[in-house]
Amino acid sequence: MGEKVQGITMGERDMGAWGRPFGIRDKVGYMFGDFGNDFSFIFASSYLMIFYTKVLGLSGVAVGILFMGARLVDAFTDVTMGRIVDHMRSAPQGRFRPWIRWMSVPVAAASSLMYLYFVRDWAYWARLVYVTVTYLLWGSFCYTAINIPYGSMASVISAQVKDRAELSTFRSIGASLAGLVIGVLVPLAVYETDPQGNQVVKPLSFTLTAAVFGVLAVICYSLCYHLCRERVTFEKKEQKKESVLEMLRGLGRNRPLLALVCGALLLLLATLLGQAMNNYLFLDYFKNAKALSYVNLISVGGTLILAPFVSRIAENFGKKEAGALGMLAGGAVYLLLFFLRVKSIPVFLGLLFLGTLGVGMFNLIVWAFITDIIDYQEIVTGKREDGTVYAVYSFARKAGQALAGGLGGFVLTAVGYVSEAPAQAPEVSERIYTVATLVPGLCYLAVFLVMQFAYPLNRRQVEANTAVLRERRGR
């Protein structure tokens, strides 16, 4: 074991009881973890508003209030979960892995419960109660209880910077594969053309699709649990209880975390609002809902094309530098789409593909930022707080999701969208196009500015922090 710092004994198990060093099994296993996560997260981010408005007949404002109000609950549940996993003692299976096994079925079941189509026949107030209870059960409790341990686990699978960058890449590949499955198959399953030529939804298909995704998520979580191993150990010793104020003060000194939180809010707002608006864009502007399959295919395709090269790019140029440049390129393409007012689906898809290359670069390495920030937090405070740091970032992502969902609902109302109408007025479709292109473009450029000028962990600083921690641990 290594040096004792602030009541934490630190060490690394490269072989020992685990029987093998870090390798491809860990990377593939970690990939399946986010594959499982995103069967519920991406499905909800892209289609839950459609289900609530088109199937259950709720207003955009009501949905927006629900999404944003739920984040007030998350402010407590996310950080509480982070503190729970930080204060747990390591078990033979690790400190974070057991949560993946314990929560895999509950999170899948909670996700499936959000898409019961027959609720549309209930009274309006009963529908509101239903969506509130099921959405909070899934997002604020079950998903939190599996996602925070899963995300925190990356910092203890390996202590090596290169390994963590590869875990980030494989995690993003898992999310991309889930996005590919959801993006390509769901539009084909839930949309159809009525006799008048309008694109309409099939309510029962939402329920069946959610159930299938729940089963697939449990399988993915099981693979993650069995393939990954925790190697870096931090054995908790008795120490003085830390108040919430002291914890927040320590996190407030973490400049990289604060910068990434700002970036995450903007990134999720742009990405998820864009995804949500794309449903309405292709329904009402391009009038071809099934073309959404191609949108999602090329979006994932760009990420997968970059994946084999990201580790080399990050190693040669630095994660911060590569990520910031990607966001600059992505923002520029979306602004170009806004100004061109494209009418041709192939042209729109071609430019969108270029934009996804830039955004995909950032998404492939963003999770490695978290492990760098966890190391930075330890250097600044002398305390190892994997779960708490990840929980703060997770909350920021959920807040971005809520802003996207909330603003999406408000925007639909503001642009004059009528949920019950089979087709929207031309001026409403034009406003939807504006939101779907201008907002992501401006937000991605804002992320570039945050990462370029406010995030301090460039390649040189990350290498220096790693050397400091290695010396502390006697390795």
Protein backbone atom coordinates (compact mmCIF):
# COMPACT_ATOMS: atom_id res chain seq x y z
CA MET A 1 0.00 0.00 0.00
CA GLY A 2 1.06 3.60 -0.53
CA GLU A 3 1.21 6.76 1.54
CA LYS A 4 -1.58 7.80 3.91
CA VAL A 5 -3.08 11.20 3.01
CA GLN A 6 -5.87 12.81 5.08
CA GLY A 7 -7.16 9.51 6.43
CA ILE A 8 -6.99 7.66 3.11
CA THR A 9 -4.57 4.81 2.48
CA MET A 10 -3.88 4.59 -1.21
CA GLY A 11 -2.48 1.83 -3.37
CA GLU A 12 -2.86 0.02 -6.65
CA ARG A 13 -3.57 -3.64 -7.33
CA ASP A 14 -2.16 -4.42 -10.76
CA MET A 15 -2.50 -8.18 -10.49
CA GLY A 16 -2.95 -9.94 -7.16
CA ALA A 17 -6.45 -11.18 -6.45
CA TRP A 18 -7.74 -9.61 -9.64
CA GLY A 19 -5.62 -11.98 -11.77
CA ARG A 20 -4.87 -9.63 -14.66
CA PRO A 21 -3.63 -6.10 -15.40
CA PHE A 22 -5.65 -3.38 -17.13
CA GLY A 23 -6.56 -4.40 -20.65
CA ILE A 24 -9.15 -4.73 -23.37
CA ARG A 25 -11.66 -6.52 -21.13
CA ASP A 26 -11.85 -3.45 -18.89
CA LYS A 27 -12.28 -1.11 -21.84
CA VAL A 28 -15.00 -3.21 -23.45
CA GLY A 29 -16.72 -3.69 -20.11
CA TYR A 30 -16.69 0.04 -19.42
CA MET A 31 -18.09 0.63 -22.91
CA PHE A 32 -21.04 -1.63 -22.13
CA GLY A 33 -21.73 0.37 -18.97
CA ASP A 34 -22.58 3.52 -20.90
CA PHE A 35 -24.31 1.44 -23.56
CA GLY A 36 -26.66 0.37 -20.77
CA ASN A 37 -26.97 3.88 -19.34
CA ASP A 38 -27.94 5.41 -22.65
CA PHE A 39 -30.67 2.93 -23.45
CA SER A 40 -32.62 5.02 -20.94
CA PHE A 41 -30.79 8.38 -20.99
CA ILE A 42 -30.61 8.96 -24.75
CA PHE A 43 -34.07 7.49 -25.29
CA ALA A 44 -35.49 9.88 -22.69
CA SER A 45 -33.46 12.85 -23.96
CA SER A 46 -34.57 12.34 -27.56
CA TYR A 47 -38.11 10.97 -27.28
CA LEU A 48 -39.62 11.51 -23.84
CA MET A 49 -40.90 14.98 -24.78
CA ILE A 50 -42.40 13.53 -27.95
CA PHE A 51 -44.14 10.86 -25.86
CA TYR A 52 -45.40 13.37 -23.31
CA THR A 53 -46.71 15.85 -25.89
CA LYS A 54 -47.77 13.63 -28.80
CA VAL A 55 -49.04 10.57 -26.91
CA LEU A 56 -50.07 11.80 -23.46
CA GLY A 57 -51.20 15.20 -24.77
CA LEU A 58 -49.37 17.30 -22.15
CA SER A 59 -48.49 20.91 -22.89
CA GLY A 60 -44.90 21.90 -23.62
CA VAL A 61 -44.91 24.22 -20.61
CA ALA A 62 -46.00 21.42 -18.25
CA VAL A 63 -43.23 19.17 -19.54
CA GLY A 64 -40.69 21.96 -19.24
CA ILE A 65 -41.65 22.62 -15.61
CA LEU A 66 -41.35 18.90 -14.83
CA PHE A 67 -37.89 18.58 -16.37
CA MET A 68 -36.53 21.66 -14.65
CA GLY A 69 -38.20 20.98 -11.32
CA ALA A 70 -36.74 17.48 -11.19
CA ARG A 71 -33.26 18.98 -11.19
CA LEU A 72 -33.98 20.60 -7.84
CA VAL A 73 -34.41 17.08 -6.48
CA ASP A 74 -31.22 15.98 -8.25
CA ALA A 75 -29.26 18.72 -6.49
CA PHE A 76 -29.70 16.62 -3.34
CA THR A 77 -29.80 13.06 -4.66
CA ASP A 78 -26.73 13.32 -6.90
CA VAL A 79 -24.44 14.79 -4.28
CA THR A 80 -25.84 12.48 -1.60
CA MET A 81 -25.08 9.47 -3.79
CA GLY A 82 -21.58 10.77 -4.40
CA ARG A 83 -20.96 11.10 -0.67
CA ILE A 84 -22.35 7.60 -0.06
CA VAL A 85 -19.93 5.91 -2.46
CA ASP A 86 -17.01 8.06 -1.25
CA HIS A 87 -17.55 6.94 2.34
CA MET A 88 -18.05 3.25 1.59
CA ARG A 89 -15.25 0.87 2.40
CA SER A 90 -13.90 -1.21 -0.46
CA ALA A 91 -15.46 -4.66 -0.76
CA PRO A 92 -13.81 -7.64 -2.50
CA GLN A 93 -15.73 -6.62 -5.66
CA GLY A 94 -14.62 -3.00 -5.32
CA ARG A 95 -16.27 0.15 -4.03
CA PHE A 96 -18.23 1.13 -7.15
CA ARG A 97 -18.87 -2.09 -9.11
CA PRO A 98 -21.48 -3.57 -6.72
CA TRP A 99 -23.84 -0.67 -7.40
CA ILE A 100 -23.97 -1.62 -11.07
CA ARG A 101 -25.21 -5.09 -10.13
CA TRP A 102 -27.64 -3.84 -7.46
CA MET A 103 -29.29 -1.11 -9.56
CA SER A 104 -29.33 -2.55 -13.08
CA VAL A 105 -32.85 -4.00 -12.87
CA PRO A 106 -34.41 -1.09 -10.92
CA VAL A 107 -33.16 1.55 -13.38
CA ALA A 108 -34.35 -0.49 -16.38
CA ALA A 109 -37.77 -1.03 -14.81
CA ALA A 110 -38.12 2.63 -13.85
CA SER A 111 -37.26 3.71 -17.39
CA SER A 112 -39.86 1.35 -18.89
CA LEU A 113 -42.56 2.68 -16.54
CA MET A 114 -42.26 6.17 -18.07
CA TYR A 115 -43.67 5.04 -21.43
CA LEU A 116 -47.03 3.41 -20.63
CA TYR A 117 -49.19 4.47 -23.58
CA PHE A 118 -52.57 3.73 -21.96
CA VAL A 119 -52.02 6.60 -19.51
CA ARG A 120 -53.25 8.88 -22.33
CA ASP A 121 -56.80 7.83 -21.39
CA TRP A 122 -56.48 9.09 -17.82
CA ALA A 123 -57.65 12.47 -16.56
CA TYR A 124 -55.19 15.31 -17.19
CA TRP A 125 -54.30 15.68 -13.51
CA ALA A 126 -53.67 11.93 -13.25
CA ARG A 127 -51.35 12.08 -16.26
CA LEU A 128 -49.41 14.87 -14.57
CA VAL A 129 -49.07 12.82 -11.38
CA TYR A 130 -47.97 9.79 -13.38
CA VAL A 131 -45.23 11.58 -15.31
CA THR A 132 -43.97 13.35 -12.17
CA VAL A 133 -43.67 10.17 -10.11
CA THR A 134 -42.16 7.97 -12.82
CA TYR A 135 -39.74 10.62 -14.09
CA LEU A 136 -38.40 11.34 -10.59
CA LEU A 137 -38.17 7.62 -9.80
CA TRP A 138 -36.07 7.02 -12.88
CA GLY A 139 -33.90 10.14 -13.15
CA SER A 140 -33.44 11.35 -9.58
CA PHE A 141 -33.13 8.01 -7.79
CA CYS A 142 -32.52 4.88 -9.88
CA TYR A 143 -30.38 6.41 -12.64
CA THR A 144 -28.43 8.44 -10.08
CA ALA A 145 -27.71 5.33 -8.01
CA ILE A 146 -26.10 3.52 -10.95
CA ASN A 147 -24.61 6.33 -13.02
CA ILE A 148 -22.55 8.02 -10.29
CA PRO A 149 -20.80 4.81 -9.16
CA TYR A 150 -20.26 3.85 -12.81
CA GLY A 151 -18.72 7.19 -13.72
CA SER A 152 -16.60 7.30 -10.57
CA MET A 153 -15.24 3.82 -11.29
CA ALA A 154 -13.05 5.04 -14.18
CA SER A 155 -10.59 6.62 -11.74
CA VAL A 156 -10.01 3.32 -9.94
CA ILE A 157 -9.85 0.93 -12.90
CA SER A 158 -6.38 2.31 -13.60
CA ALA A 159 -4.18 5.11 -12.30
CA GLN A 160 -2.51 5.68 -15.66
CA VAL A 161 -3.43 8.77 -17.71
CA LYS A 162 -3.31 6.87 -21.00
CA ASP A 163 -5.57 4.10 -19.68
CA ARG A 164 -8.12 6.62 -18.45
CA ALA A 165 -8.17 8.35 -21.83
CA GLU A 166 -8.89 4.99 -23.44
CA LEU A 167 -11.70 4.35 -20.96
CA SER A 168 -13.20 7.71 -21.90
CA THR A 169 -13.00 6.78 -25.58
CA PHE A 170 -14.63 3.40 -25.03
CA ARG A 171 -17.33 4.96 -22.84
CA SER A 172 -18.13 7.37 -25.66
CA ILE A 173 -18.18 4.49 -28.12
CA GLY A 174 -20.75 2.79 -25.89
CA ALA A 175 -22.88 5.93 -25.86
CA SER A 176 -22.50 6.23 -29.64
CA LEU A 177 -23.58 2.65 -30.20
CA ALA A 178 -26.62 3.20 -28.00
CA GLY A 179 -27.31 6.40 -29.91
CA LEU A 180 -27.00 4.47 -33.16
CA VAL A 181 -29.49 1.81 -32.08
CA ILE A 182 -31.92 4.37 -30.68
CA GLY A 183 -31.47 6.93 -33.43
CA VAL A 184 -31.83 4.54 -36.33
CA LEU A 185 -34.45 2.08 -35.07
CA VAL A 186 -36.75 4.23 -32.92
CA PRO A 187 -37.96 6.55 -35.73
CA LEU A 188 -38.78 3.48 -37.79
CA ALA A 189 -40.67 1.95 -34.86
CA VAL A 190 -42.63 4.88 -33.45
CA TYR A 191 -43.51 6.96 -36.54
CA GLU A 192 -45.87 6.25 -39.40
CA THR A 193 -47.58 8.20 -42.18
CA ASP A 194 -51.35 8.69 -41.93
CA PRO A 195 -53.70 8.62 -44.97
CA GLN A 196 -53.36 12.41 -45.33
CA GLY A 197 -49.56 12.13 -45.59
CA ASN A 198 -48.81 13.53 -42.13
CA GLN A 199 -46.18 12.01 -39.84
CA VAL A 200 -47.81 10.62 -36.67
CA VAL A 201 -46.66 8.55 -33.69
CA LYS A 202 -47.64 5.00 -32.74
CA PRO A 203 -48.34 5.03 -28.97
CA LEU A 204 -47.99 1.30 -28.29
CA SER A 205 -44.59 1.27 -29.98
CA PHE A 206 -43.17 3.59 -27.29
CA THR A 207 -44.17 1.14 -24.55
CA LEU A 208 -42.79 -1.91 -26.34
CA THR A 209 -39.56 -0.14 -27.33
CA ALA A 210 -38.93 1.03 -23.75
CA ALA A 211 -39.41 -2.54 -22.48
CA VAL A 212 -36.95 -3.95 -25.03
CA PHE A 213 -34.41 -1.26 -24.17
CA GLY A 214 -34.81 -2.11 -20.49
CA VAL A 215 -33.87 -5.75 -21.12
CA LEU A 216 -30.89 -4.73 -23.27
CA ALA A 217 -29.74 -2.30 -20.58
CA VAL A 218 -29.67 -5.05 -17.93
CA ILE A 219 -27.57 -7.24 -20.24
CA CYS A 220 -25.10 -4.38 -20.85
CA TYR A 221 -24.80 -3.60 -17.13
CA SER A 222 -24.10 -7.26 -16.42
CA LEU A 223 -21.27 -7.29 -18.97
CA CYS A 224 -19.84 -4.12 -17.44
CA TYR A 225 -19.88 -5.64 -13.96
CA HIS A 226 -18.21 -8.89 -14.99
CA LEU A 227 -15.58 -7.44 -17.35
CA CYS A 228 -14.32 -4.45 -15.32
CA ARG A 229 -12.04 -4.55 -12.28
CA GLU A 230 -11.15 -1.91 -9.70
CA ARG A 231 -7.38 -1.72 -9.11
CA VAL A 232 -6.70 1.59 -7.35
CA THR A 233 -7.75 1.36 -3.70
CA PHE A 234 -8.42 4.11 -1.18
CA GLU A 235 -9.09 2.56 2.19
CA LYS A 236 -11.06 4.91 4.43
CA LYS A 237 -9.78 5.47 7.96
CA GLU A 238 -11.62 7.14 10.81
CA GLN A 239 -11.58 10.90 10.33
CA LYS A 240 -13.49 14.00 11.31
CA LYS A 241 -16.86 14.38 9.64
CA GLU A 242 -16.86 17.03 6.97
CA SER A 243 -19.75 19.46 6.83
CA VAL A 244 -21.60 20.23 3.63
CA LEU A 245 -20.17 23.77 3.75
CA GLU A 246 -16.62 22.43 4.00
CA MET A 247 -17.27 20.06 1.12
CA LEU A 248 -18.64 22.86 -1.06
CA ARG A 249 -15.70 25.08 -0.12
CA GLY A 250 -13.30 22.37 -1.24
CA LEU A 251 -15.15 21.86 -4.51
CA GLY A 252 -15.28 25.63 -5.01
CA ARG A 253 -11.49 25.70 -5.08
CA ASN A 254 -11.50 23.22 -7.97
CA ARG A 255 -11.28 25.57 -10.95
CA PRO A 256 -11.20 22.77 -13.56
CA LEU A 257 -14.40 21.28 -12.12
CA LEU A 258 -16.20 24.62 -12.20
CA ALA A 259 -15.11 25.20 -15.79
CA LEU A 260 -16.20 21.74 -16.90
CA VAL A 261 -19.54 22.16 -15.11
CA CYS A 262 -20.16 25.32 -17.15
CA GLY A 263 -19.09 23.52 -20.30
CA ALA A 264 -21.33 20.54 -19.50
CA LEU A 265 -24.38 22.75 -19.01
CA LEU A 266 -23.83 24.39 -22.38
CA LEU A 267 -22.92 21.15 -24.14
CA LEU A 268 -25.94 19.21 -22.92
CA LEU A 269 -28.23 22.17 -23.56
CA ALA A 270 -27.01 22.35 -27.16
CA THR A 271 -26.89 18.62 -27.88
CA LEU A 272 -30.13 17.54 -26.24
CA LEU A 273 -32.15 20.56 -27.32
CA GLY A 274 -30.87 19.93 -30.83
CA GLN A 275 -31.84 16.25 -30.63
CA ALA A 276 -35.29 17.08 -29.28
CA MET A 277 -35.86 19.77 -31.91
CA ASN A 278 -34.69 17.42 -34.68
CA ASN A 279 -37.79 15.31 -34.08
CA TYR A 280 -40.00 18.31 -34.81
CA LEU A 281 -37.65 19.58 -37.52
CA PHE A 282 -38.02 16.44 -39.60
CA LEU A 283 -41.68 16.03 -38.75
CA ASP A 284 -42.73 19.56 -39.67
CA TYR A 285 -39.92 21.29 -41.62
CA PHE A 286 -38.55 18.52 -43.83
CA LYS A 287 -41.78 16.48 -43.50
CA ASN A 288 -39.87 13.21 -43.42
CA ALA A 289 -39.68 11.74 -39.91
CA LYS A 290 -38.03 8.53 -41.06
CA ALA A 291 -35.03 10.56 -42.28
CA LEU A 292 -34.21 10.95 -38.59
CA SER A 293 -32.65 7.50 -38.88
CA TYR A 294 -30.05 8.94 -41.26
CA VAL A 295 -29.44 11.91 -38.97
CA ASN A 296 -28.65 9.65 -36.07
CA LEU A 297 -26.63 7.28 -38.26
CA ILE A 298 -24.25 9.98 -39.47
CA SER A 299 -24.05 11.56 -36.02
CA VAL A 300 -22.83 8.28 -34.54
CA GLY A 301 -20.76 7.53 -37.63
CA GLY A 302 -18.65 10.64 -37.12
CA THR A 303 -17.86 9.64 -33.55
CA LEU A 304 -16.97 6.07 -34.48
CA ILE A 305 -14.70 7.26 -37.31
CA LEU A 306 -12.76 9.41 -34.84
CA ALA A 307 -12.61 6.84 -32.03
CA PRO A 308 -9.50 4.90 -33.20
CA PHE A 309 -7.48 8.12 -33.38
CA VAL A 310 -8.58 9.95 -30.25
CA SER A 311 -6.08 8.43 -27.83
CA ARG A 312 -3.21 9.33 -30.16
CA ILE A 313 -4.58 12.85 -30.69
CA ALA A 314 -5.03 13.40 -26.94
CA GLU A 315 -1.55 12.05 -26.21
CA ASN A 316 0.15 14.24 -28.83
CA PHE A 317 -1.85 17.46 -28.47
CA GLY A 318 -3.56 17.20 -25.08
CA LYS A 319 -7.19 16.51 -24.15
CA LYS A 320 -8.05 20.14 -23.46
CA GLU A 321 -6.53 21.33 -26.72
CA ALA A 322 -8.23 18.68 -28.87
CA GLY A 323 -11.61 19.08 -27.16
CA ALA A 324 -11.65 22.86 -27.47
CA LEU A 325 -10.79 22.74 -31.17
CA GLY A 326 -13.56 20.21 -31.76
CA MET A 327 -16.16 22.47 -30.16
CA LEU A 328 -15.01 25.42 -32.27
CA ALA A 329 -15.48 23.39 -35.44
CA GLY A 330 -18.86 22.04 -34.35
CA GLY A 331 -20.20 25.48 -33.47
CA ALA A 332 -19.06 26.95 -36.78
CA VAL A 333 -20.90 24.27 -38.79
CA TYR A 334 -24.19 24.74 -36.92
CA LEU A 335 -24.05 28.49 -37.45
CA LEU A 336 -23.46 27.84 -41.16
CA LEU A 337 -26.60 25.67 -41.23
CA PHE A 338 -28.54 28.48 -39.57
CA PHE A 339 -27.52 31.09 -42.12
CA LEU A 340 -28.00 28.83 -45.16
CA ARG A 341 -31.61 27.83 -44.25
CA VAL A 342 -31.09 24.47 -45.97
CA LYS A 343 -34.12 22.86 -47.64
CA SER A 344 -32.42 19.75 -49.00
CA ILE A 345 -32.16 16.80 -46.60
CA PRO A 346 -28.92 15.43 -48.19
CA VAL A 347 -27.22 18.85 -47.93
CA PHE A 348 -28.38 19.23 -44.33
CA LEU A 349 -27.08 15.77 -43.48
CA GLY A 350 -23.73 16.42 -45.15
CA LEU A 351 -23.08 19.58 -43.16
CA LEU A 352 -24.40 17.97 -40.01
CA PHE A 353 -21.84 15.19 -40.42
CA LEU A 354 -19.01 17.73 -40.41
CA GLY A 355 -20.41 19.28 -37.25
CA THR A 356 -20.63 15.92 -35.50
CA LEU A 357 -16.93 15.31 -36.14
CA GLY A 358 -16.09 18.34 -34.01
CA VAL A 359 -18.58 17.60 -31.25
CA GLY A 360 -17.63 13.92 -31.35
CA MET A 361 -14.00 14.80 -30.66
CA PHE A 362 -15.01 16.51 -27.42
CA ASN A 363 -17.44 13.77 -26.38
CA LEU A 364 -14.84 11.04 -26.88
CA ILE A 365 -12.47 12.55 -24.32
CA VAL A 366 -14.81 14.38 -21.93
CA TRP A 367 -14.87 11.54 -19.40
CA ALA A 368 -11.08 11.61 -19.17
CA PHE A 369 -11.43 15.24 -18.03
CA ILE A 370 -13.28 13.95 -14.95
CA THR A 371 -10.49 11.62 -13.88
CA ASP A 372 -7.99 14.47 -14.32
CA ILE A 373 -10.21 16.69 -12.17
CA ILE A 374 -10.50 14.02 -9.46
CA ASP A 375 -6.69 13.92 -9.31
CA TYR A 376 -6.56 17.72 -9.15
CA GLN A 377 -9.08 17.72 -6.27
CA GLU A 378 -6.88 15.31 -4.34
CA ILE A 379 -3.81 17.51 -4.85
CA VAL A 380 -5.64 20.67 -3.74
CA THR A 381 -7.50 19.25 -0.72
CA GLY A 382 -5.55 16.12 0.18
CA LYS A 383 -8.77 14.09 -0.02
CA ARG A 384 -9.83 11.50 -2.57
CA GLU A 385 -13.44 12.26 -3.55
CA ASP A 386 -14.17 10.32 -6.74
CA GLY A 387 -17.90 10.00 -6.13
CA THR A 388 -18.47 13.57 -4.98
CA VAL A 389 -16.61 15.13 -7.91
CA TYR A 390 -18.39 12.90 -10.38
CA ALA A 391 -21.73 13.62 -8.71
CA VAL A 392 -21.26 17.37 -9.18
CA TYR A 393 -20.49 16.82 -12.85
CA SER A 394 -23.40 14.40 -13.19
CA PHE A 395 -25.72 17.00 -11.72
CA ALA A 396 -24.42 19.54 -14.24
CA ARG A 397 -25.21 17.12 -17.06
CA LYS A 398 -28.69 16.53 -15.69
CA ALA A 399 -29.18 20.27 -15.33
CA GLY A 400 -28.21 20.63 -18.97
CA GLN A 401 -30.68 17.89 -19.82
CA ALA A 402 -33.37 19.69 -17.84
CA LEU A 403 -32.61 23.02 -19.47
CA ALA A 404 -32.81 21.37 -22.86
CA GLY A 405 -36.07 19.65 -22.00
CA GLY A 406 -37.50 22.63 -20.18
CA LEU A 407 -36.51 25.17 -22.79
CA GLY A 408 -37.65 22.73 -25.47
CA GLY A 409 -41.13 22.74 -23.98
CA PHE A 410 -41.16 26.51 -23.58
CA VAL A 411 -39.74 27.04 -27.06
CA LEU A 412 -42.40 24.85 -28.64
CA THR A 413 -45.04 26.99 -26.99
CA ALA A 414 -43.24 30.21 -27.91
CA VAL A 415 -42.91 29.36 -31.61
CA GLY A 416 -46.63 28.59 -31.78
CA TYR A 417 -46.44 24.78 -31.91
CA VAL A 418 -49.84 23.08 -31.59
CA SER A 419 -49.55 19.53 -30.20
CA GLU A 420 -52.96 18.38 -31.49
CA ALA A 421 -52.45 19.71 -35.03
CA PRO A 422 -51.54 17.10 -37.69
CA ALA A 423 -49.36 19.71 -39.45
CA GLN A 424 -47.78 22.99 -38.35
CA ALA A 425 -47.97 26.37 -40.07
CA PRO A 426 -44.96 27.22 -42.31
CA GLU A 427 -43.77 30.04 -40.04
CA VAL A 428 -43.77 27.64 -37.06
CA SER A 429 -41.61 25.16 -39.02
CA GLU A 430 -39.16 27.96 -39.87
CA ARG A 431 -38.87 28.91 -36.21
CA ILE A 432 -38.19 25.27 -35.31
CA TYR A 433 -35.33 25.26 -37.86
CA THR A 434 -33.88 28.37 -36.24
CA VAL A 435 -33.88 26.84 -32.78
CA ALA A 436 -32.46 23.51 -34.03
CA THR A 437 -29.41 25.20 -35.62
CA LEU A 438 -28.74 28.57 -33.98
CA VAL A 439 -28.90 27.47 -30.34
CA PRO A 440 -26.46 24.53 -30.75
CA GLY A 441 -24.11 26.73 -32.78
CA LEU A 442 -23.91 29.45 -30.14
CA CYS A 443 -23.66 26.98 -27.26
CA TYR A 444 -20.86 24.95 -28.85
CA LEU A 445 -18.86 28.13 -29.44
CA ALA A 446 -19.43 29.06 -25.79
CA VAL A 447 -18.08 25.64 -24.72
CA PHE A 448 -14.98 26.33 -26.82
CA LEU A 449 -14.42 29.62 -25.00
CA VAL A 450 -14.87 27.98 -21.59
CA MET A 451 -12.44 25.16 -22.33
CA GLN A 452 -9.90 27.38 -24.02
CA PHE A 453 -9.74 30.17 -21.45
CA ALA A 454 -11.21 28.87 -18.16
CA TYR A 455 -10.20 25.18 -18.00
CA PRO A 456 -6.57 25.04 -16.77
CA LEU A 457 -5.66 21.35 -17.12
CA ASN A 458 -3.66 21.32 -20.32
CA ARG A 459 -1.40 18.43 -21.22
CA ARG A 460 1.59 19.71 -19.26
CA GLN A 461 -0.44 20.29 -16.08
CA VAL A 462 -2.08 16.84 -16.24
CA GLU A 463 1.30 15.17 -16.56
CA ALA A 464 2.62 17.18 -13.61
CA ASN A 465 -0.37 16.21 -11.42
CA THR A 466 0.06 12.56 -12.30
CA ALA A 467 3.72 12.70 -11.30
CA VAL A 468 2.84 14.30 -7.95
CA LEU A 469 0.29 11.60 -7.09
CA ARG A 470 2.60 8.82 -8.22
CA GLU A 471 5.29 10.16 -5.88
CA ARG A 472 2.80 10.39 -2.99
CA ARG A 473 1.77 6.79 -3.47
CA GLY A 474 5.32 5.56 -3.69
CA ARG A 475 5.04 4.23 -7.26
